[in-house]
Amino acid sequence: MVKSPEEEHPHKAFGWAARDQSGILSPFKFSRRATGEQDVKFKVLYCGICHSDYHSIKNEWGFSTYPLLPGHEIVGVVTEVGSKVKRFNVGDKVGVGCMVGACHTCENCENDLENYCPKMILTYNSIYYDGTITYGGYSDIMVVNERYVVSIPETLPLDAVAPLLCAGITVYSPLKYFGLSKPGMHIGVVGLGGLGHVAVKFAKAFGVKVTVISTSPSKRKEAVEHLGSDSFLLSRDPEQMQAAKATMDGIIDTVSAQHPLLPLLDLLKAHGKLILVGAPEKPHEVPAFPLLTGRKMIAGSGIGGMKETQEMIDFAAKHNITADVEVIPMDYVNTAMERLVKVDVKYRFVIDVGNTLKAS
């Protein structure tokens, strides 16, 4: 007989979940597994709202399982550790990002790239080793294998560091891997949202020249004066786009909506790289000719391995990088999702789980 989510495991838990494709989130009682030898149990204090959460609760990618309890930008304080846990103690500040498991035997896992393991287990809407569904951070507690837990330095505020566990590593990893973190290089950042604004911050900390590329002229002041971008390019202005042709070494494209790639490819120098980190609902059209004539590359990048995620958090602490957040109570989450779709947030909603999630 199939057990209900509330009866699957010994630790009683509570959060907000979507029950169907309407995506409406509401209170949800469930359970977490007992703290295993290599597990860290922690009280959730904050959880960021990622665009992936919206795609998932609405089943826009076609593989959602309900009830679906989202959240993969999770921070909190350790309340219990397993007997074989070596890196964490009760009271430590910790975080969990987009994944909670992998095979640990494949080439990717052995190279600290668990994020590219074919058997990667997502923090929510995935099947765990024991056959149960994973539930995310819009909840009061988490129990996670220590390999997938990140240490949060004391200097970083928990609410503003939470989005780095998805948005931060999503832009940090491609900047490093594709050689776009070298001082003096010139990169473009498409879209000034949750991903884009931290991309600007990391790139500037690397010593890179940054141009924000946006369809919205209202973003100019924010990009240049607040975030420190070196320049701003209005992608709807043909004259500006013409003047910027062949000036960039690489572009980080953070946009999750459909948009043409050809104008962006034109901005790249020969051998330039257009890196996609947003996941639109429908496929892009990829023009071949500009790739051939400049040996340009379109590539993708998805989060990062656990070693690199810790490296990113430590780099953020050293350079005082955090996300710009709007902290909200748990019961505001459905309104926040509506605003997220309208891009009505600067730049990341973060749920104050610790103070506002009330079991009822």
Protein backbone atom coordinates (compact mmCIF):
# COMPACT_ATOMS: atom_id res chain seq x y z
CA MET A 1 0.00 0.00 0.00
CA VAL A 2 1.32 3.43 -0.96
CA LYS A 3 1.94 5.69 2.01
CA SER A 4 0.86 9.32 2.01
CA PRO A 5 3.59 12.01 1.96
CA GLU A 6 2.85 12.62 5.66
CA GLU A 7 3.51 8.97 6.57
CA GLU A 8 6.52 8.12 4.34
CA HIS A 9 9.20 9.17 6.79
CA PRO A 10 9.61 9.73 10.57
CA HIS A 11 10.31 13.50 10.64
CA LYS A 12 7.06 15.48 10.42
CA ALA A 13 7.41 18.40 8.03
CA PHE A 14 5.35 21.28 6.71
CA GLY A 15 5.53 23.53 3.69
CA TRP A 16 3.62 24.95 0.73
CA ALA A 17 3.06 22.86 -2.39
CA ALA A 18 1.23 22.96 -5.71
CA ARG A 19 -1.35 20.20 -6.24
CA ASP A 20 -1.87 20.59 -10.00
CA GLN A 21 -0.96 22.62 -13.10
CA SER A 22 -2.78 25.67 -11.80
CA GLY A 23 0.44 26.20 -9.88
CA ILE A 24 -1.41 27.53 -6.84
CA LEU A 25 0.64 26.86 -3.73
CA SER A 26 -1.04 26.04 -0.42
CA PRO A 27 -0.13 24.52 2.99
CA PHE A 28 1.08 20.92 2.78
CA LYS A 29 1.90 18.38 5.47
CA PHE A 30 4.53 15.77 4.60
CA SER A 31 7.57 14.09 6.16
CA ARG A 32 11.36 13.95 5.91
CA ARG A 33 13.55 10.87 6.28
CA ALA A 34 15.39 10.05 9.49
CA THR A 35 18.82 11.69 9.69
CA GLY A 36 21.21 9.08 8.24
CA GLU A 37 24.88 8.59 9.04
CA GLN A 38 25.96 11.03 6.34
CA ASP A 39 22.97 13.37 6.56
CA VAL A 40 22.61 16.92 7.77
CA LYS A 41 19.23 18.03 9.13
CA PHE A 42 18.60 21.75 9.24
CA LYS A 43 15.90 24.27 10.01
CA VAL A 44 15.09 26.28 6.89
CA LEU A 45 15.29 30.04 7.45
CA TYR A 46 15.12 31.43 3.91
CA CYS A 47 14.40 30.10 0.42
CA GLY A 48 14.75 32.01 -2.83
CA ILE A 49 12.13 31.84 -5.57
CA CYS A 50 13.71 30.78 -8.86
CA HIS A 51 12.08 31.03 -12.29
CA SER A 52 12.44 27.23 -12.41
CA ASP A 53 10.00 27.04 -9.50
CA TYR A 54 7.37 28.76 -11.62
CA HIS A 55 8.04 26.55 -14.65
CA SER A 56 7.77 23.49 -12.39
CA ILE A 57 4.58 24.29 -10.49
CA LYS A 58 2.89 25.07 -13.84
CA ASN A 59 4.37 21.93 -15.49
CA GLU A 60 5.70 24.09 -18.33
CA TRP A 61 8.58 21.67 -18.91
CA GLY A 62 6.27 18.66 -18.95
CA PHE A 63 7.76 16.52 -16.17
CA SER A 64 6.16 17.81 -12.97
CA THR A 65 4.80 15.36 -10.40
CA TYR A 66 2.22 16.58 -7.91
CA PRO A 67 2.08 17.46 -5.10
CA LEU A 68 5.12 19.57 -6.00
CA LEU A 69 6.91 21.46 -3.24
CA PRO A 70 9.50 23.77 -4.90
CA GLY A 71 12.55 25.65 -3.68
CA HIS A 72 16.25 25.09 -4.38
CA GLU A 73 17.88 28.20 -2.96
CA ILE A 74 17.72 27.08 0.65
CA VAL A 75 19.60 28.33 3.70
CA GLY A 76 19.26 27.54 7.37
CA VAL A 77 20.87 26.34 10.58
CA VAL A 78 21.95 22.77 11.34
CA THR A 79 19.90 21.01 14.03
CA GLU A 80 21.26 17.45 13.74
CA VAL A 81 24.11 15.63 12.00
CA GLY A 82 24.69 11.95 11.26
CA SER A 83 27.44 9.98 12.97
CA LYS A 84 29.73 10.04 9.91
CA VAL A 85 29.27 13.71 9.01
CA LYS A 86 32.67 15.44 9.06
CA ARG A 87 32.17 18.98 7.77
CA PHE A 88 29.21 20.25 9.77
CA ASN A 89 28.10 20.69 13.35
CA VAL A 90 24.86 21.68 15.05
CA GLY A 91 24.46 25.46 14.78
CA ASP A 92 26.35 25.85 11.50
CA LYS A 93 24.86 28.03 8.77
CA VAL A 94 24.34 25.96 5.63
CA GLY A 95 22.78 25.99 2.20
CA VAL A 96 21.37 23.55 -0.34
CA GLY A 97 20.98 24.30 -4.04
CA CYS A 98 19.49 22.47 -6.99
CA MET A 99 20.53 18.88 -6.31
CA VAL A 100 20.60 16.41 -3.44
CA GLY A 101 22.01 13.26 -5.04
CA ALA A 102 23.83 11.60 -7.95
CA CYS A 103 25.41 8.23 -8.80
CA HIS A 104 28.91 9.11 -7.44
CA THR A 105 30.54 6.58 -9.78
CA CYS A 106 30.35 8.12 -13.28
CA GLU A 107 33.06 10.23 -14.88
CA ASN A 108 31.21 13.47 -14.14
CA CYS A 109 30.75 12.65 -10.44
CA GLU A 110 34.41 11.64 -10.13
CA ASN A 111 35.36 15.04 -11.57
CA ASP A 112 33.17 16.99 -9.11
CA LEU A 113 30.52 17.58 -11.77
CA GLU A 114 27.55 15.97 -10.07
CA ASN A 115 25.36 18.49 -11.89
CA TYR A 116 26.04 16.62 -15.16
CA CYS A 117 25.51 13.13 -13.74
CA PRO A 118 22.83 11.26 -15.75
CA LYS A 119 21.36 10.14 -12.42
CA MET A 120 21.43 13.52 -10.70
CA ILE A 121 18.64 13.86 -8.14
CA LEU A 122 17.03 17.29 -8.04
CA THR A 123 16.17 18.95 -4.75
CA TYR A 124 12.48 18.80 -5.66
CA ASN A 125 10.27 17.01 -8.20
CA SER A 126 12.73 14.11 -8.44
CA ILE A 127 12.90 10.53 -7.19
CA TYR A 128 15.32 9.90 -4.32
CA TYR A 129 17.35 6.71 -3.82
CA ASP A 130 14.59 5.26 -1.61
CA GLY A 131 11.94 5.77 -4.30
CA THR A 132 10.19 8.71 -2.65
CA ILE A 133 9.64 12.13 -4.22
CA THR A 134 11.97 14.96 -3.22
CA TYR A 135 10.45 18.09 -1.73
CA GLY A 136 12.19 21.48 -1.77
CA GLY A 137 12.80 24.42 0.48
CA TYR A 138 9.39 26.05 0.76
CA SER A 139 9.31 24.02 3.97
CA ASP A 140 10.38 24.03 7.60
CA ILE A 141 13.14 21.39 7.59
CA MET A 142 15.53 19.66 5.19
CA VAL A 143 17.49 16.41 5.52
CA VAL A 144 20.32 16.24 2.97
CA ASN A 145 23.45 14.16 2.43
CA GLU A 146 26.43 16.27 3.53
CA ARG A 147 27.99 16.07 0.04
CA TYR A 148 25.19 18.36 -1.16
CA VAL A 149 25.34 20.83 1.71
CA VAL A 150 27.30 24.09 1.38
CA SER A 151 28.89 25.96 4.26
CA ILE A 152 27.75 29.58 4.47
CA PRO A 153 30.40 32.02 5.80
CA GLU A 154 29.38 34.15 8.77
CA THR A 155 29.92 37.37 6.81
CA LEU A 156 27.12 36.68 4.32
CA PRO A 157 23.50 37.59 5.24
CA LEU A 158 21.38 34.47 4.88
CA ASP A 159 18.46 36.07 3.03
CA ALA A 160 20.66 37.66 0.36
CA VAL A 161 22.99 34.66 -0.05
CA ALA A 162 20.16 32.17 -0.69
CA PRO A 163 19.74 32.99 -4.43
CA LEU A 164 23.44 32.39 -5.04
CA LEU A 165 22.80 28.66 -4.55
CA CYS A 166 21.06 28.59 -7.93
CA ALA A 167 21.36 31.98 -9.65
CA GLY A 168 24.91 32.54 -8.42
CA ILE A 169 26.42 29.22 -9.43
CA THR A 170 24.47 29.27 -12.71
CA VAL A 171 26.44 32.31 -13.88
CA TYR A 172 29.70 31.77 -11.96
CA SER A 173 30.35 28.34 -13.49
CA PRO A 174 30.18 29.36 -17.19
CA LEU A 175 32.22 32.51 -16.56
CA LYS A 176 34.98 30.29 -15.18
CA TYR A 177 34.66 27.29 -17.52
CA PHE A 178 34.51 29.24 -20.78
CA GLY A 179 37.43 31.48 -19.87
CA LEU A 180 35.34 34.62 -19.46
CA SER A 181 36.64 35.45 -15.97
CA LYS A 182 40.02 36.80 -17.11
CA PRO A 183 40.62 40.47 -16.28
CA GLY A 184 40.30 42.74 -19.30
CA MET A 185 37.87 40.58 -21.23
CA HIS A 186 34.59 42.08 -22.41
CA ILE A 187 31.37 40.17 -21.79
CA GLY A 188 27.71 40.90 -22.35
CA VAL A 189 24.95 39.93 -19.93
CA VAL A 190 21.53 39.52 -21.52
CA GLY A 191 18.66 40.22 -19.14
CA LEU A 192 18.91 42.05 -15.83
CA GLY A 193 16.86 39.77 -13.60
CA GLY A 194 17.68 37.25 -10.89
CA LEU A 195 20.49 35.65 -12.89
CA GLY A 196 21.64 38.71 -14.78
CA HIS A 197 22.22 41.00 -11.83
CA VAL A 198 24.48 38.47 -10.05
CA ALA A 199 26.28 37.77 -13.34
CA VAL A 200 27.23 41.45 -13.45
CA LYS A 201 28.45 41.34 -9.84
CA PHE A 202 30.60 38.23 -10.33
CA ALA A 203 32.02 39.45 -13.64
CA LYS A 204 33.01 42.80 -12.15
CA ALA A 205 34.66 41.02 -9.22
CA PHE A 206 36.70 39.01 -11.75
CA GLY A 207 37.90 42.29 -13.30
CA VAL A 208 35.94 41.86 -16.52
CA LYS A 209 34.41 44.66 -18.62
CA VAL A 210 30.62 44.19 -18.59
CA THR A 211 27.88 45.39 -20.93
CA VAL A 212 24.29 44.76 -19.91
CA ILE A 213 22.07 43.97 -22.91
CA SER A 214 18.37 44.60 -22.40
CA THR A 215 15.15 45.36 -24.26
CA SER A 216 14.17 47.83 -21.55
CA PRO A 217 15.71 51.34 -21.52
CA SER A 218 14.58 51.73 -17.90
CA LYS A 219 17.27 49.21 -16.87
CA ARG A 220 20.14 51.50 -17.92
CA LYS A 221 20.43 53.46 -14.68
CA GLU A 222 20.17 50.36 -12.53
CA ALA A 223 22.76 48.47 -14.59
CA VAL A 224 25.37 51.23 -14.67
CA GLU A 225 24.86 53.18 -11.45
CA HIS A 226 23.75 50.47 -9.04
CA LEU A 227 25.34 47.27 -10.33
CA GLY A 228 28.48 48.82 -11.80
CA SER A 229 28.13 47.67 -15.39
CA ASP A 230 30.59 49.45 -17.67
CA SER A 231 28.00 50.06 -20.37
CA PHE A 232 24.42 49.39 -21.39
CA LEU A 233 23.13 48.24 -24.75
CA LEU A 234 19.50 48.61 -25.76
CA SER A 235 18.90 45.58 -27.95
CA ARG A 236 15.92 47.20 -29.68
CA ASP A 237 18.06 50.07 -30.96
CA PRO A 238 19.60 49.08 -34.34
CA GLU A 239 22.20 51.87 -34.18
CA GLN A 240 23.45 50.81 -30.76
CA MET A 241 23.57 47.16 -31.82
CA GLN A 242 25.44 48.03 -35.03
CA ALA A 243 28.01 50.08 -33.10
CA ALA A 244 28.61 47.18 -30.68
CA LYS A 245 29.16 44.51 -33.38
CA ALA A 246 32.16 42.23 -32.86
CA THR A 247 33.18 43.84 -29.55
CA MET A 248 32.53 41.06 -27.01
CA ASP A 249 34.51 37.96 -26.05
CA GLY A 250 31.46 36.24 -24.64
CA ILE A 251 27.82 36.68 -23.67
CA ILE A 252 25.92 35.15 -20.76
CA ASP A 253 22.29 34.92 -21.89
CA THR A 254 20.02 34.63 -18.85
CA VAL A 255 16.65 35.14 -20.53
CA SER A 256 14.01 32.42 -20.04
CA ALA A 257 11.65 33.74 -22.74
CA GLN A 258 11.95 33.22 -26.48
CA HIS A 259 14.19 35.75 -28.21
CA PRO A 260 16.33 35.86 -31.38
CA LEU A 261 19.96 34.75 -31.04
CA LEU A 262 21.29 36.22 -34.31
CA PRO A 263 21.60 39.81 -32.99
CA LEU A 264 23.59 38.49 -30.03
CA LEU A 265 25.93 36.44 -32.22
CA ASP A 266 26.68 39.60 -34.17
CA LEU A 267 28.00 41.24 -31.01
CA LEU A 268 30.68 38.57 -30.58
CA LYS A 269 34.24 38.80 -31.80
CA ALA A 270 35.59 35.87 -33.81
CA HIS A 271 35.81 32.80 -31.54
CA GLY A 272 33.26 34.41 -29.22
CA LYS A 273 30.94 32.35 -27.04
CA LEU A 274 27.22 32.78 -26.47
CA ILE A 275 26.37 30.87 -23.30
CA LEU A 276 22.71 30.07 -22.61
CA VAL A 277 21.72 29.70 -18.96
CA GLY A 278 18.00 30.49 -19.31
CA ALA A 279 15.59 27.75 -20.40
CA PRO A 280 12.78 29.06 -22.63
CA GLU A 281 9.62 26.98 -22.98
CA LYS A 282 10.14 26.59 -26.75
CA PRO A 283 13.35 25.83 -28.70
CA HIS A 284 15.59 28.58 -30.06
CA GLU A 285 16.21 29.00 -33.78
CA VAL A 286 19.94 28.63 -34.33
CA PRO A 287 21.39 30.34 -37.42
CA ALA A 288 24.40 28.44 -38.76
CA PHE A 289 26.06 31.05 -40.96
CA PRO A 290 27.31 33.48 -38.26
CA LEU A 291 28.73 30.51 -36.34
CA LEU A 292 30.72 29.43 -39.37
CA THR A 293 32.03 32.82 -40.41
CA GLY A 294 33.48 33.70 -37.02
CA ARG A 295 34.04 30.24 -35.51
CA LYS A 296 31.57 31.32 -32.84
CA MET A 297 30.00 29.02 -30.33
CA ILE A 298 26.57 28.65 -28.76
CA ALA A 299 26.81 26.63 -25.56
CA GLY A 300 24.82 25.94 -22.44
CA SER A 301 25.66 25.62 -18.78
CA GLY A 302 23.66 24.23 -15.88
CA ILE A 303 24.48 25.18 -12.27
CA GLY A 304 27.78 23.65 -11.06
CA GLY A 305 29.22 20.78 -9.07
CA MET A 306 29.34 20.88 -5.29
CA LYS A 307 33.05 21.72 -5.09
CA GLU A 308 32.55 24.67 -7.43
CA THR A 309 29.40 25.77 -5.59
CA GLN A 310 31.36 26.04 -2.35
CA GLU A 311 34.12 27.87 -4.23
CA MET A 312 31.51 30.32 -5.56
CA ILE A 313 30.09 30.98 -2.08
CA ASP A 314 33.59 31.55 -0.67
CA PHE A 315 34.39 33.91 -3.57
CA ALA A 316 31.14 35.78 -2.87
CA ALA A 317 32.11 36.16 0.80
CA LYS A 318 35.58 37.46 -0.14
CA HIS A 319 34.14 40.03 -2.57
CA ASN A 320 30.95 40.81 -0.60
CA ILE A 321 28.66 39.57 -3.38
CA THR A 322 25.01 38.93 -2.54
CA ALA A 323 21.76 39.01 -4.47
CA ASP A 324 19.43 42.01 -4.36
CA VAL A 325 16.35 40.56 -2.73
CA GLU A 326 12.80 41.33 -1.71
CA VAL A 327 12.00 39.29 1.39
CA ILE A 328 8.41 38.08 1.58
CA PRO A 329 6.23 36.06 3.97
CA MET A 330 5.24 32.53 3.03
CA ASP A 331 1.59 33.39 2.43
CA TYR A 332 2.61 35.97 -0.20
CA VAL A 333 4.16 33.30 -2.43
CA ASN A 334 1.33 33.06 -4.99
CA THR A 335 1.35 36.83 -5.50
CA ALA A 336 5.13 36.69 -5.82
CA MET A 337 4.81 34.11 -8.60
CA GLU A 338 2.43 36.43 -10.48
CA ARG A 339 4.88 39.30 -10.10
CA LEU A 340 7.81 37.07 -11.12
CA VAL A 341 6.20 36.41 -14.50
CA LYS A 342 5.76 40.16 -15.00
CA VAL A 343 9.43 40.71 -14.05
CA ASP A 344 8.18 42.85 -11.18
CA VAL A 345 10.99 42.20 -8.70
CA LYS A 346 14.47 43.54 -8.03
CA TYR A 347 15.84 41.00 -8.41
CA ARG A 348 14.94 37.90 -6.44
CA PHE A 349 12.10 37.06 -4.11
CA VAL A 350 13.24 35.30 -0.95
CA ILE A 351 10.74 33.67 1.39
CA ASP A 352 11.28 34.31 5.10
CA VAL A 353 10.50 30.70 5.95
CA GLY A 354 11.83 30.77 9.50
CA ASN A 355 9.58 33.59 10.68
CA THR A 356 6.48 33.25 8.53
CA LEU A 357 5.83 29.56 7.77
CA LYS A 358 3.09 28.57 10.19
CA ALA A 359 1.77 25.01 10.43
CA SER A 360 -2.03 25.10 10.39
